[in-house]
N, C-alpha and C. Protein backbone atom coordinates (compact mmCIF):
# COMPACT_ATOMS: atom_id res chain seq x y z
N MET A 1 -8.58 65.58 34.80
CA MET A 1 -7.31 65.06 34.67
C MET A 1 -7.84 63.54 34.08
N LYS A 2 -9.00 62.80 35.10
CA LYS A 2 -8.57 61.83 34.50
C LYS A 2 -9.02 61.38 33.01
N ASP A 3 -9.59 62.45 31.93
CA ASP A 3 -9.78 62.29 30.29
C ASP A 3 -8.07 62.71 29.81
N VAL A 4 -7.34 63.29 30.63
CA VAL A 4 -6.07 63.76 29.97
C VAL A 4 -5.42 62.22 30.34
N VAL A 5 -5.36 61.77 31.30
CA VAL A 5 -4.32 60.41 31.46
C VAL A 5 -5.30 59.42 30.12
N THR A 6 -6.93 58.92 30.25
CA THR A 6 -7.29 58.26 29.30
C THR A 6 -7.18 58.55 27.65
N ILE A 7 -6.77 59.74 27.55
CA ILE A 7 -6.47 59.89 25.69
C ILE A 7 -4.87 60.21 26.11
N GLY A 8 -4.01 60.21 26.78
CA GLY A 8 -3.06 59.86 26.71
C GLY A 8 -1.84 61.46 26.12
N TRP A 9 -2.61 61.87 27.14
CA TRP A 9 -1.82 63.64 26.79
C TRP A 9 -1.08 63.66 27.80
N SER A 10 0.20 64.45 27.32
CA SER A 10 1.09 64.91 28.76
C SER A 10 0.50 66.03 29.63
N GLN A 11 1.07 65.89 30.60
CA GLN A 11 0.44 67.48 31.54
C GLN A 11 1.58 68.18 31.57
N ILE A 12 1.35 69.70 30.91
CA ILE A 12 2.79 70.50 30.99
C ILE A 12 2.90 71.15 32.42
N THR A 13 3.57 71.19 32.70
CA THR A 13 4.34 72.05 34.39
C THR A 13 4.60 72.91 33.91
N TRP A 14 4.29 73.88 34.20
CA TRP A 14 4.98 75.23 34.99
C TRP A 14 5.63 75.89 35.45
N ILE A 15 6.84 75.94 35.54
CA ILE A 15 7.87 75.98 36.67
C ILE A 15 8.13 78.23 36.53
N PRO A 16 7.88 78.32 37.53
CA PRO A 16 8.25 80.04 37.24
C PRO A 16 9.79 80.32 37.86
N THR A 17 10.00 81.13 36.52
CA THR A 17 11.20 81.63 36.15
C THR A 17 11.70 82.81 35.96
N ASN A 18 12.32 83.85 35.93
CA ASN A 18 12.30 85.43 35.64
C ASN A 18 13.03 85.65 34.37
N ALA A 19 13.04 86.60 34.33
CA ALA A 19 12.78 87.33 32.84
C ALA A 19 14.50 86.96 31.79
N GLN A 20 15.43 86.33 32.82
CA GLN A 20 16.83 85.76 32.38
C GLN A 20 16.50 84.47 32.16
N GLY A 21 15.37 83.39 32.54
CA GLY A 21 14.81 82.62 32.39
C GLY A 21 15.47 81.62 33.35
N ALA A 22 16.19 81.97 34.88
CA ALA A 22 16.43 81.46 35.92
C ALA A 22 15.34 80.59 36.50
N ILE A 23 15.56 79.62 37.11
CA ILE A 23 14.22 79.40 37.80
C ILE A 23 14.19 79.90 39.22
N ILE A 24 12.89 80.47 39.72
CA ILE A 24 12.77 81.25 40.98
C ILE A 24 12.38 80.34 41.60
N GLY A 25 11.43 79.20 41.64
CA GLY A 25 10.13 78.57 42.48
C GLY A 25 10.28 77.32 42.03
N LEU A 26 9.74 76.16 42.30
CA LEU A 26 9.35 74.39 41.99
C LEU A 26 10.89 74.18 41.58
N LYS A 27 11.96 74.15 42.10
CA LYS A 27 13.34 73.57 41.65
C LYS A 27 13.29 71.88 42.23
N GLY A 28 12.79 71.92 42.68
CA GLY A 28 12.94 70.28 43.27
C GLY A 28 11.59 69.76 42.72
N LEU A 29 10.79 70.19 42.36
CA LEU A 29 10.28 69.30 41.00
C LEU A 29 10.48 69.60 39.63
N TRP A 30 11.12 70.55 38.90
CA TRP A 30 12.02 70.39 37.99
C TRP A 30 12.88 69.47 38.33
N THR A 31 13.81 69.47 39.09
CA THR A 31 14.57 68.94 39.34
C THR A 31 14.69 66.99 39.24
N ARG A 32 13.31 67.11 39.52
CA ARG A 32 12.86 65.78 40.38
C ARG A 32 12.39 65.01 38.74
N ILE A 33 11.59 65.30 37.92
CA ILE A 33 10.99 65.45 36.29
C ILE A 33 11.89 65.26 35.52
N VAL A 34 13.51 66.06 35.54
CA VAL A 34 14.51 65.53 34.58
C VAL A 34 14.75 64.87 35.28
N LYS A 35 15.42 64.40 35.90
CA LYS A 35 16.37 63.21 36.53
C LYS A 35 15.05 61.65 35.88
N ASP A 36 13.90 61.85 36.37
CA ASP A 36 13.01 60.87 36.10
C ASP A 36 13.11 60.69 34.09
N VAL A 37 13.15 61.47 33.65
CA VAL A 37 13.36 61.30 32.34
C VAL A 37 14.79 60.50 31.71
N ALA A 38 15.84 61.41 32.69
CA ALA A 38 17.03 60.84 32.16
C ALA A 38 17.16 59.94 32.49
N TYR A 39 16.60 59.43 33.80
CA TYR A 39 16.83 57.69 33.52
C TYR A 39 16.51 57.03 32.92
N ASN A 40 15.08 57.08 32.20
CA ASN A 40 14.60 56.52 31.37
C ASN A 40 15.73 56.21 30.34
N TYR A 41 16.24 57.50 29.67
CA TYR A 41 17.43 56.98 28.10
C TYR A 41 18.67 56.86 28.59
N LEU A 42 19.42 57.34 29.82
CA LEU A 42 20.56 56.80 30.17
C LEU A 42 20.91 56.00 30.79
N ASP A 43 22.25 55.30 30.42
CA ASP A 43 22.92 54.22 31.21
C ASP A 43 24.06 54.41 32.32
N LEU A 44 23.28 54.72 33.58
CA LEU A 44 24.39 54.92 34.52
C LEU A 44 25.06 54.56 35.43
N ARG A 45 25.54 53.22 34.70
CA ARG A 45 26.58 52.67 34.61
C ARG A 45 28.15 53.55 34.01
N LEU A 46 27.42 53.75 33.04
CA LEU A 46 28.96 54.59 32.68
C LEU A 46 29.33 55.66 33.49
N VAL A 47 30.41 55.30 33.31
CA VAL A 47 31.24 56.99 34.29
C VAL A 47 31.44 58.69 33.84
N ASN A 48 31.78 57.94 32.02
CA ASN A 48 31.65 59.30 31.69
C ASN A 48 30.19 59.28 31.04
N PHE A 49 29.86 60.38 30.85
CA PHE A 49 28.43 60.29 30.03
C PHE A 49 28.42 61.30 28.75
N ARG A 50 30.21 61.11 28.14
CA ARG A 50 29.93 61.73 27.06
C ARG A 50 30.14 60.57 25.95
N SER A 51 30.10 59.45 27.24
CA SER A 51 29.82 58.11 26.54
C SER A 51 27.97 57.68 25.44
N HIS A 52 27.44 58.59 26.51
CA HIS A 52 26.18 58.42 25.59
C HIS A 52 26.03 58.71 23.86
N THR A 53 24.94 58.57 23.01
CA THR A 53 24.87 59.23 21.81
C THR A 53 24.07 60.31 22.33
N MET A 54 24.45 61.30 20.60
CA MET A 54 23.88 62.30 20.79
C MET A 54 22.05 61.96 20.86
N LYS A 55 21.80 60.79 20.14
CA LYS A 55 20.67 60.36 20.03
C LYS A 55 20.32 60.54 21.04
N GLN A 56 20.68 60.01 22.60
CA GLN A 56 19.84 59.68 23.69
C GLN A 56 19.77 60.94 24.19
N TRP A 57 20.79 62.07 23.89
CA TRP A 57 20.70 63.56 24.52
C TRP A 57 19.66 63.96 23.69
N GLU A 58 19.14 64.13 22.38
CA GLU A 58 18.03 64.48 21.72
C GLU A 58 16.99 64.15 22.50
N VAL A 59 16.54 62.98 22.61
CA VAL A 59 15.18 62.25 22.74
C VAL A 59 15.12 62.75 23.98
N ILE A 60 16.25 62.90 25.07
CA ILE A 60 15.49 63.71 26.49
C ILE A 60 15.08 64.85 26.21
N HIS A 61 15.74 65.79 25.43
CA HIS A 61 15.60 66.81 25.38
C HIS A 61 13.94 67.20 24.56
N VAL A 62 13.91 66.19 23.76
CA VAL A 62 12.62 66.38 23.45
C VAL A 62 11.12 66.15 24.36
N GLU A 63 11.79 65.37 25.08
CA GLU A 63 10.72 64.89 26.21
C GLU A 63 10.08 65.81 26.94
N LEU A 64 11.71 66.46 27.10
CA LEU A 64 11.78 67.76 28.16
C LEU A 64 10.90 68.91 27.79
N ASP A 65 11.12 68.75 26.63
CA ASP A 65 10.63 70.14 25.85
C ASP A 65 8.79 69.85 25.80
N GLY A 66 8.66 68.73 25.62
CA GLY A 66 7.11 68.52 25.75
C GLY A 66 6.27 68.86 27.16
N LEU A 67 7.02 68.62 28.57
CA LEU A 67 6.78 68.80 29.58
C LEU A 67 6.73 69.89 29.89
N PHE A 68 7.58 70.76 29.67
CA PHE A 68 7.61 71.81 30.53
C PHE A 68 7.52 73.26 28.98
């Protein structure tokens, strides 16, 4: 683990899913990671999330794809 942090690689998190892709375990971990990433890019003072740009959403999706 120390080498991973030193080199700067992301640790990939495995979340168990069923054949349809629905999360069947560790849902709390998944929710926490998604929130942490979203809070880094979204302005939570905005009431309507549609006010965010598509670029912000794309950056979130790219980062989450790298984590899961």
